[in-house]
Amino acid sequence: MLLFVLAQVTPVAPPAIPQLPPATMVVEPAGMLIAACDSDGDGKTTRAELTSCVKRGFDAIDSEHKGSIGYIGFADWAERWLGDRNALPSPFETDADGDNRITLGELEAKMAEIFARLDRDHDGAVTRAELLTIRASGGDRDPRRGKRR
C-alpha cells in the first residue's frame, strides 16, 4: 500500500533559478573609427592618431579641396568610416555653425568630443576595452525576428 501511495505522489520540481538576460558587447560606429585610427598598432588610439586619421578621411571625401563637405559628402564619409550613411554622429550635430557644410575643424571637434567621452581613464588614449559597452538584452524580443513577443 505504501508503494501505491508513493507512486501517486507528483515529484516536486526544484525551484527555478532566475536567469539573467544575456549580455551583449557593442561598439558605437564612432568607436569603430577611433579603433581604426590606431596607426602604430599598439591597441590604443591617441588624440594625435585620431586627428591625423580624421584629416585623411576628410581629405579623401573633399576631393575638390573646397575645405568643407555637404551633407551628402558627409554621408559618403560616414559610410566609409562609420559603416553606414546614417551612423552617428549625424551631419546635423557635426555642423556646428548650421551652414549645411561640414569643415574639417567641425568634424575634428565632434570626433574630439566623442574621444573625450570614450576615454574613460582620461589618459589621452582610447583602448579597445574603453570602446566596448556591455548591454543586457531586454529578453522581450524574439531573436529570430527582432520583434517584441
N, C-alpha and C. Protein backbone atom coordinates (compact mmCIF):
# COMPACT_ATOMS: atom_id res chain seq x y z
N MET A 1 0.82 -1.18 0.00
CA MET A 1 0.00 0.00 0.00
C MET A 1 0.87 1.26 0.00
N LEU A 2 1.94 1.24 0.75
CA LEU A 2 2.84 2.38 0.80
C LEU A 2 3.44 2.65 -0.57
N LEU A 3 3.78 1.62 -1.31
CA LEU A 3 4.30 1.79 -2.66
C LEU A 3 3.27 2.44 -3.57
N PHE A 4 2.00 2.09 -3.41
CA PHE A 4 0.94 2.67 -4.20
C PHE A 4 0.83 4.17 -3.93
N VAL A 5 0.92 4.58 -2.69
CA VAL A 5 0.84 6.00 -2.31
C VAL A 5 2.06 6.74 -2.84
N LEU A 6 3.24 6.16 -2.72
CA LEU A 6 4.44 6.82 -3.20
C LEU A 6 4.44 6.97 -4.72
N ALA A 7 3.85 6.02 -5.41
CA ALA A 7 3.78 6.07 -6.86
C ALA A 7 2.87 7.19 -7.34
N GLN A 8 1.89 7.58 -6.52
CA GLN A 8 0.95 8.62 -6.93
C GLN A 8 1.41 10.03 -6.56
N VAL A 9 2.47 10.18 -5.80
CA VAL A 9 2.97 11.50 -5.41
C VAL A 9 3.70 12.10 -6.60
N THR A 10 3.33 13.31 -6.93
CA THR A 10 3.97 14.02 -8.03
C THR A 10 5.31 14.55 -7.56
N PRO A 11 6.36 14.27 -8.32
CA PRO A 11 7.66 14.78 -7.88
C PRO A 11 7.66 16.31 -7.90
N VAL A 12 8.32 16.89 -6.93
CA VAL A 12 8.41 18.34 -6.81
C VAL A 12 9.62 18.81 -7.61
N ALA A 13 9.37 19.77 -8.50
CA ALA A 13 10.46 20.33 -9.30
C ALA A 13 11.30 21.25 -8.43
N PRO A 14 12.60 21.27 -8.67
CA PRO A 14 13.43 22.21 -7.90
C PRO A 14 13.02 23.63 -8.24
N PRO A 15 13.21 24.56 -7.32
CA PRO A 15 12.82 25.94 -7.61
C PRO A 15 13.61 26.48 -8.80
N ALA A 16 12.92 27.26 -9.62
CA ALA A 16 13.55 27.84 -10.81
C ALA A 16 14.57 28.89 -10.39
N ILE A 17 15.72 28.83 -11.00
CA ILE A 17 16.75 29.84 -10.75
C ILE A 17 16.54 30.94 -11.77
N PRO A 18 16.36 32.16 -11.31
CA PRO A 18 16.13 33.25 -12.28
C PRO A 18 17.33 33.38 -13.23
N GLN A 19 17.03 33.49 -14.48
CA GLN A 19 18.07 33.63 -15.50
C GLN A 19 18.28 35.10 -15.81
N LEU A 20 19.52 35.51 -15.80
CA LEU A 20 19.84 36.87 -16.21
C LEU A 20 19.84 36.92 -17.73
N PRO A 21 19.39 38.03 -18.29
CA PRO A 21 19.43 38.13 -19.75
C PRO A 21 20.88 38.11 -20.23
N PRO A 22 21.10 37.56 -21.40
CA PRO A 22 22.48 37.54 -21.90
C PRO A 22 22.97 38.97 -22.15
N ALA A 23 24.25 39.16 -21.93
CA ALA A 23 24.86 40.47 -22.17
C ALA A 23 25.38 40.52 -23.60
N THR A 24 25.35 41.70 -24.14
CA THR A 24 25.86 41.93 -25.48
C THR A 24 26.91 43.02 -25.42
N MET A 25 28.02 42.81 -26.09
CA MET A 25 29.04 43.85 -26.17
C MET A 25 28.87 44.58 -27.50
N VAL A 26 28.84 45.89 -27.42
CA VAL A 26 28.66 46.70 -28.62
C VAL A 26 29.72 47.80 -28.67
N VAL A 27 29.98 48.25 -29.88
CA VAL A 27 30.86 49.39 -30.11
C VAL A 27 30.09 50.35 -30.99
N GLU A 28 30.00 51.60 -30.60
CA GLU A 28 29.30 52.56 -31.44
C GLU A 28 30.13 52.84 -32.69
N PRO A 29 29.50 53.26 -33.77
CA PRO A 29 30.22 53.48 -35.02
C PRO A 29 31.42 54.42 -34.88
N ALA A 30 31.29 55.50 -34.14
CA ALA A 30 32.43 56.40 -33.96
C ALA A 30 33.57 55.69 -33.24
N GLY A 31 33.25 54.75 -32.38
CA GLY A 31 34.27 53.96 -31.71
C GLY A 31 35.03 53.07 -32.68
N MET A 32 34.31 52.53 -33.68
CA MET A 32 34.99 51.73 -34.70
C MET A 32 35.98 52.59 -35.47
N LEU A 33 35.59 53.83 -35.77
CA LEU A 33 36.51 54.75 -36.45
C LEU A 33 37.74 55.00 -35.58
N ILE A 34 37.51 55.28 -34.31
CA ILE A 34 38.63 55.55 -33.41
C ILE A 34 39.57 54.36 -33.36
N ALA A 35 39.04 53.16 -33.27
CA ALA A 35 39.89 51.96 -33.26
C ALA A 35 40.68 51.83 -34.56
N ALA A 36 40.05 52.16 -35.68
CA ALA A 36 40.72 52.06 -36.98
C ALA A 36 41.85 53.08 -37.11
N CYS A 37 41.84 54.12 -36.31
CA CYS A 37 42.86 55.17 -36.39
C CYS A 37 44.13 54.83 -35.62
N ASP A 38 44.19 53.66 -35.02
CA ASP A 38 45.38 53.21 -34.30
C ASP A 38 46.48 52.92 -35.30
N SER A 39 47.24 53.95 -35.66
CA SER A 39 48.22 53.83 -36.75
C SER A 39 49.46 53.02 -36.40
N ASP A 40 49.81 52.95 -35.12
CA ASP A 40 51.02 52.19 -34.77
C ASP A 40 50.72 50.77 -34.29
N GLY A 41 49.44 50.40 -34.26
CA GLY A 41 49.06 49.02 -33.94
C GLY A 41 49.30 48.61 -32.50
N ASP A 42 49.31 49.57 -31.57
CA ASP A 42 49.56 49.22 -30.17
C ASP A 42 48.29 48.94 -29.38
N GLY A 43 47.14 48.92 -30.06
CA GLY A 43 45.89 48.60 -29.39
C GLY A 43 45.21 49.77 -28.73
N LYS A 44 45.75 50.96 -28.93
CA LYS A 44 45.10 52.16 -28.40
C LYS A 44 45.29 53.30 -29.40
N THR A 45 44.35 54.22 -29.38
CA THR A 45 44.39 55.36 -30.29
C THR A 45 44.58 56.63 -29.48
N THR A 46 45.58 57.40 -29.84
CA THR A 46 45.84 58.68 -29.17
C THR A 46 45.06 59.78 -29.89
N ARG A 47 44.98 60.94 -29.26
CA ARG A 47 44.33 62.09 -29.90
C ARG A 47 45.04 62.45 -31.20
N ALA A 48 46.38 62.39 -31.20
CA ALA A 48 47.14 62.72 -32.40
C ALA A 48 46.82 61.74 -33.53
N GLU A 49 46.73 60.46 -33.21
CA GLU A 49 46.38 59.46 -34.24
C GLU A 49 44.97 59.73 -34.78
N LEU A 50 44.05 60.06 -33.89
CA LEU A 50 42.68 60.35 -34.33
C LEU A 50 42.65 61.58 -35.22
N THR A 51 43.31 62.65 -34.83
CA THR A 51 43.32 63.88 -35.63
C THR A 51 43.88 63.64 -37.02
N SER A 52 44.98 62.93 -37.10
CA SER A 52 45.60 62.61 -38.39
C SER A 52 44.68 61.75 -39.25
N CYS A 53 44.05 60.78 -38.64
CA CYS A 53 43.16 59.87 -39.36
C CYS A 53 41.90 60.59 -39.87
N VAL A 54 41.32 61.43 -39.03
CA VAL A 54 40.13 62.18 -39.45
C VAL A 54 40.48 63.11 -40.61
N LYS A 55 41.63 63.72 -40.57
CA LYS A 55 42.06 64.59 -41.68
C LYS A 55 42.19 63.80 -42.98
N ARG A 56 42.84 62.64 -42.90
CA ARG A 56 42.98 61.80 -44.11
C ARG A 56 41.61 61.41 -44.66
N GLY A 57 40.71 61.00 -43.78
CA GLY A 57 39.37 60.61 -44.21
C GLY A 57 38.59 61.77 -44.80
N PHE A 58 38.71 62.93 -44.18
CA PHE A 58 38.03 64.13 -44.69
C PHE A 58 38.58 64.52 -46.05
N ASP A 59 39.90 64.53 -46.17
CA ASP A 59 40.54 64.91 -47.45
C ASP A 59 40.14 63.96 -48.57
N ALA A 60 39.94 62.70 -48.27
CA ALA A 60 39.54 61.73 -49.30
C ALA A 60 38.14 62.04 -49.84
N ILE A 61 37.27 62.56 -48.99
CA ILE A 61 35.91 62.91 -49.43
C ILE A 61 35.90 64.30 -50.06
N ASP A 62 36.67 65.23 -49.52
CA ASP A 62 36.76 66.59 -50.05
C ASP A 62 37.75 66.61 -51.22
N SER A 63 37.43 65.85 -52.24
CA SER A 63 38.36 65.66 -53.37
C SER A 63 38.58 66.94 -54.18
N GLU A 64 37.65 67.89 -54.10
CA GLU A 64 37.82 69.15 -54.81
C GLU A 64 38.52 70.20 -53.94
N HIS A 65 38.89 69.82 -52.74
CA HIS A 65 39.64 70.67 -51.81
C HIS A 65 38.94 72.01 -51.56
N LYS A 66 37.63 71.93 -51.31
CA LYS A 66 36.85 73.13 -51.00
C LYS A 66 36.99 73.54 -49.54
N GLY A 67 37.44 72.60 -48.72
CA GLY A 67 37.56 72.90 -47.29
C GLY A 67 36.32 72.56 -46.50
N SER A 68 35.29 72.11 -47.18
CA SER A 68 34.07 71.69 -46.49
C SER A 68 33.34 70.69 -47.38
N ILE A 69 32.50 69.90 -46.73
CA ILE A 69 31.68 68.94 -47.47
C ILE A 69 30.23 69.15 -47.10
N GLY A 70 29.35 68.88 -48.05
CA GLY A 70 27.92 68.97 -47.77
C GLY A 70 27.44 67.73 -47.04
N TYR A 71 26.16 67.68 -46.78
CA TYR A 71 25.60 66.55 -46.03
C TYR A 71 25.70 65.25 -46.81
N ILE A 72 25.61 65.31 -48.13
CA ILE A 72 25.77 64.09 -48.93
C ILE A 72 27.23 63.62 -48.85
N GLY A 73 28.16 64.55 -48.94
CA GLY A 73 29.57 64.20 -48.76
C GLY A 73 29.83 63.62 -47.38
N PHE A 74 29.17 64.17 -46.36
CA PHE A 74 29.31 63.64 -45.01
C PHE A 74 28.77 62.22 -44.95
N ALA A 75 27.65 61.97 -45.63
CA ALA A 75 27.09 60.62 -45.66
C ALA A 75 28.07 59.65 -46.32
N ASP A 76 28.75 60.11 -47.38
CA ASP A 76 29.78 59.28 -48.02
C ASP A 76 30.91 58.99 -47.03
N TRP A 77 31.34 60.01 -46.28
CA TRP A 77 32.37 59.83 -45.27
C TRP A 77 31.90 58.84 -44.20
N ALA A 78 30.66 59.01 -43.72
CA ALA A 78 30.12 58.13 -42.67
C ALA A 78 30.03 56.69 -43.15
N GLU A 79 29.65 56.49 -44.39
CA GLU A 79 29.56 55.12 -44.91
C GLU A 79 30.94 54.46 -44.92
N ARG A 80 31.95 55.21 -45.32
CA ARG A 80 33.30 54.66 -45.39
C ARG A 80 33.91 54.44 -44.01
N TRP A 81 33.75 55.41 -43.11
CA TRP A 81 34.46 55.37 -41.83
C TRP A 81 33.63 54.88 -40.66
N LEU A 82 32.30 55.03 -40.74
CA LEU A 82 31.45 54.62 -39.62
C LEU A 82 30.63 53.37 -39.95
N GLY A 83 30.64 52.97 -41.22
CA GLY A 83 29.95 51.74 -41.60
C GLY A 83 28.57 51.92 -42.18
N ASP A 84 28.00 53.11 -42.06
CA ASP A 84 26.64 53.35 -42.57
C ASP A 84 26.44 54.84 -42.76
N ARG A 85 25.70 55.19 -43.81
CA ARG A 85 25.45 56.60 -44.12
C ARG A 85 24.67 57.31 -43.01
N ASN A 86 23.93 56.56 -42.23
CA ASN A 86 23.09 57.16 -41.19
C ASN A 86 23.66 56.99 -39.78
N ALA A 87 24.90 56.54 -39.68
CA ALA A 87 25.51 56.33 -38.36
C ALA A 87 25.77 57.68 -37.68
N LEU A 88 25.85 57.62 -36.37
CA LEU A 88 26.13 58.83 -35.60
C LEU A 88 27.63 58.98 -35.42
N PRO A 89 28.16 60.18 -35.41
CA PRO A 89 27.43 61.43 -35.31
C PRO A 89 26.78 61.82 -36.64
N SER A 90 25.67 62.48 -36.53
CA SER A 90 24.96 62.91 -37.73
C SER A 90 25.56 64.22 -38.25
N PRO A 91 25.30 64.54 -39.51
CA PRO A 91 25.80 65.82 -40.02
C PRO A 91 25.18 67.01 -39.29
N PHE A 92 23.97 66.84 -38.78
CA PHE A 92 23.29 67.95 -38.10
C PHE A 92 23.99 68.31 -36.80
N GLU A 93 24.48 67.30 -36.07
CA GLU A 93 25.18 67.60 -34.82
C GLU A 93 26.64 67.97 -35.05
N THR A 94 27.18 67.61 -36.20
CA THR A 94 28.57 67.92 -36.53
C THR A 94 28.69 69.33 -37.11
N ASP A 95 27.69 69.77 -37.85
CA ASP A 95 27.67 71.09 -38.49
C ASP A 95 27.40 72.16 -37.42
N ALA A 96 28.45 72.57 -36.72
CA ALA A 96 28.31 73.45 -35.56
C ALA A 96 27.71 74.81 -35.89
N ASP A 97 28.01 75.36 -37.09
CA ASP A 97 27.51 76.70 -37.41
C ASP A 97 26.21 76.66 -38.23
N GLY A 98 25.71 75.47 -38.54
CA GLY A 98 24.42 75.34 -39.21
C GLY A 98 24.38 75.85 -40.64
N ASP A 99 25.53 75.86 -41.34
CA ASP A 99 25.55 76.36 -42.71
C ASP A 99 25.38 75.26 -43.77
N ASN A 100 24.99 74.07 -43.32
CA ASN A 100 24.78 72.92 -44.21
C ASN A 100 26.08 72.44 -44.87
N ARG A 101 27.20 72.82 -44.32
CA ARG A 101 28.52 72.37 -44.77
C ARG A 101 29.30 71.95 -43.54
N ILE A 102 30.15 70.97 -43.69
CA ILE A 102 30.96 70.50 -42.57
C ILE A 102 32.43 70.70 -42.93
N THR A 103 33.10 71.45 -42.08
CA THR A 103 34.52 71.70 -42.29
C THR A 103 35.33 70.64 -41.55
N LEU A 104 36.61 70.56 -41.89
CA LEU A 104 37.49 69.65 -41.18
C LEU A 104 37.51 69.99 -39.69
N GLY A 105 37.54 71.28 -39.38
CA GLY A 105 37.53 71.70 -37.97
C GLY A 105 36.30 71.23 -37.23
N GLU A 106 35.14 71.31 -37.87
CA GLU A 106 33.90 70.85 -37.23
C GLU A 106 33.93 69.34 -37.00
N LEU A 107 34.43 68.60 -37.99
CA LEU A 107 34.50 67.15 -37.85
C LEU A 107 35.52 66.76 -36.78
N GLU A 108 36.65 67.44 -36.76
CA GLU A 108 37.65 67.16 -35.73
C GLU A 108 37.11 67.47 -34.34
N ALA A 109 36.36 68.58 -34.20
CA ALA A 109 35.79 68.95 -32.91
C ALA A 109 34.79 67.90 -32.43
N LYS A 110 33.94 67.43 -33.33
CA LYS A 110 32.94 66.42 -32.95
C LYS A 110 33.63 65.12 -32.55
N MET A 111 34.63 64.71 -33.34
CA MET A 111 35.33 63.47 -33.01
C MET A 111 36.14 63.61 -31.72
N ALA A 112 36.69 64.80 -31.45
CA ALA A 112 37.40 65.04 -30.19
C ALA A 112 36.44 64.94 -29.00
N GLU A 113 35.22 65.42 -29.19
CA GLU A 113 34.20 65.33 -28.14
C GLU A 113 33.87 63.86 -27.85
N ILE A 114 33.70 63.08 -28.89
CA ILE A 114 33.41 61.65 -28.73
C ILE A 114 34.60 60.95 -28.09
N PHE A 115 35.81 61.28 -28.55
CA PHE A 115 37.03 60.70 -27.99
C PHE A 115 37.09 60.96 -26.48
N ALA A 116 36.84 62.19 -26.07
CA ALA A 116 36.89 62.55 -24.65
C ALA A 116 35.87 61.75 -23.84
N ARG A 117 34.69 61.53 -24.40
CA ARG A 117 33.66 60.75 -23.70
C ARG A 117 34.09 59.29 -23.56
N LEU A 118 34.73 58.74 -24.59
CA LEU A 118 35.12 57.33 -24.56
C LEU A 118 36.40 57.08 -23.78
N ASP A 119 37.24 58.09 -23.60
CA ASP A 119 38.49 57.95 -22.87
C ASP A 119 38.18 57.95 -21.37
N ARG A 120 37.70 56.82 -20.88
CA ARG A 120 37.19 56.73 -19.51
C ARG A 120 38.24 57.00 -18.45
N ASP A 121 39.49 56.61 -18.70
CA ASP A 121 40.52 56.85 -17.68
C ASP A 121 41.27 58.17 -17.91
N HIS A 122 40.86 58.92 -18.92
CA HIS A 122 41.38 60.26 -19.19
C HIS A 122 42.91 60.30 -19.33
N ASP A 123 43.45 59.27 -20.00
CA ASP A 123 44.90 59.23 -20.18
C ASP A 123 45.33 59.71 -21.57
N GLY A 124 44.38 60.21 -22.36
CA GLY A 124 44.72 60.73 -23.69
C GLY A 124 44.79 59.67 -24.77
N ALA A 125 44.41 58.45 -24.45
CA ALA A 125 44.36 57.36 -25.42
C ALA A 125 43.12 56.52 -25.15
N VAL A 126 42.54 55.99 -26.22
CA VAL A 126 41.36 55.15 -26.09
C VAL A 126 41.76 53.72 -26.46
N THR A 127 41.51 52.80 -25.54
CA THR A 127 41.80 51.39 -25.77
C THR A 127 40.55 50.69 -26.29
N ARG A 128 40.74 49.48 -26.79
CA ARG A 128 39.59 48.70 -27.27
C ARG A 128 38.61 48.46 -26.12
N ALA A 129 39.13 48.21 -24.93
CA ALA A 129 38.25 47.96 -23.78
C ALA A 129 37.38 49.18 -23.48
N GLU A 130 37.92 50.38 -23.65
CA GLU A 130 37.14 51.59 -23.40
C GLU A 130 36.05 51.78 -24.45
N LEU A 131 36.24 51.20 -25.61
CA LEU A 131 35.26 51.35 -26.68
C LEU A 131 34.06 50.42 -26.51
N LEU A 132 34.23 49.35 -25.74
CA LEU A 132 33.15 48.38 -25.56
C LEU A 132 32.13 48.86 -24.55
N THR A 133 30.88 48.64 -24.87
CA THR A 133 29.78 48.89 -23.94
C THR A 133 29.07 47.56 -23.77
N ILE A 134 28.84 47.17 -22.53
CA ILE A 134 28.13 45.93 -22.27
C ILE A 134 26.69 46.29 -21.96
N ARG A 135 25.80 45.69 -22.73
CA ARG A 135 24.37 45.95 -22.55
C ARG A 135 23.66 44.63 -22.31
N ALA A 136 22.78 44.62 -21.34
CA ALA A 136 21.95 43.45 -21.11
C ALA A 136 20.83 43.44 -22.13
N SER A 137 20.59 42.29 -22.70
CA SER A 137 19.48 42.18 -23.65
C SER A 137 18.18 42.28 -22.88
N GLY A 138 17.17 42.83 -23.52
CA GLY A 138 15.88 43.01 -22.88
C GLY A 138 15.15 41.73 -22.59
N GLY A 139 15.40 40.69 -23.36
CA GLY A 139 14.73 39.42 -23.15
C GLY A 139 13.31 39.37 -23.66
N ASP A 140 12.75 40.51 -24.09
CA ASP A 140 11.38 40.50 -24.56
C ASP A 140 11.31 40.54 -26.08
N ARG A 141 12.41 40.32 -26.73
CA ARG A 141 12.43 40.30 -28.19
C ARG A 141 12.66 38.89 -28.68
N ASP A 142 12.04 38.56 -29.76
CA ASP A 142 12.26 37.28 -30.41
C ASP A 142 13.53 37.44 -31.24
N PRO A 143 14.64 36.76 -30.88
CA PRO A 143 15.91 36.98 -31.57
C PRO A 143 15.86 36.56 -33.04
N ARG A 144 14.90 35.74 -33.42
CA ARG A 144 14.82 35.33 -34.81
C ARG A 144 14.21 36.42 -35.69
N ARG A 145 13.39 37.25 -35.11
CA ARG A 145 12.71 38.27 -35.91
C ARG A 145 12.98 39.69 -35.46
N GLY A 146 13.58 39.86 -34.29
CA GLY A 146 13.84 41.20 -33.78
C GLY A 146 12.59 41.92 -33.34
N LYS A 147 11.49 41.19 -33.19
CA LYS A 147 10.23 41.82 -32.79
C LYS A 147 9.90 41.46 -31.36
N ARG A 148 9.11 42.33 -30.76
CA ARG A 148 8.65 42.05 -29.40
C ARG A 148 7.65 40.90 -29.44
N ARG A 149 7.74 40.08 -28.39
CA ARG A 149 6.80 38.95 -28.30
C ARG A 149 5.46 39.39 -27.79
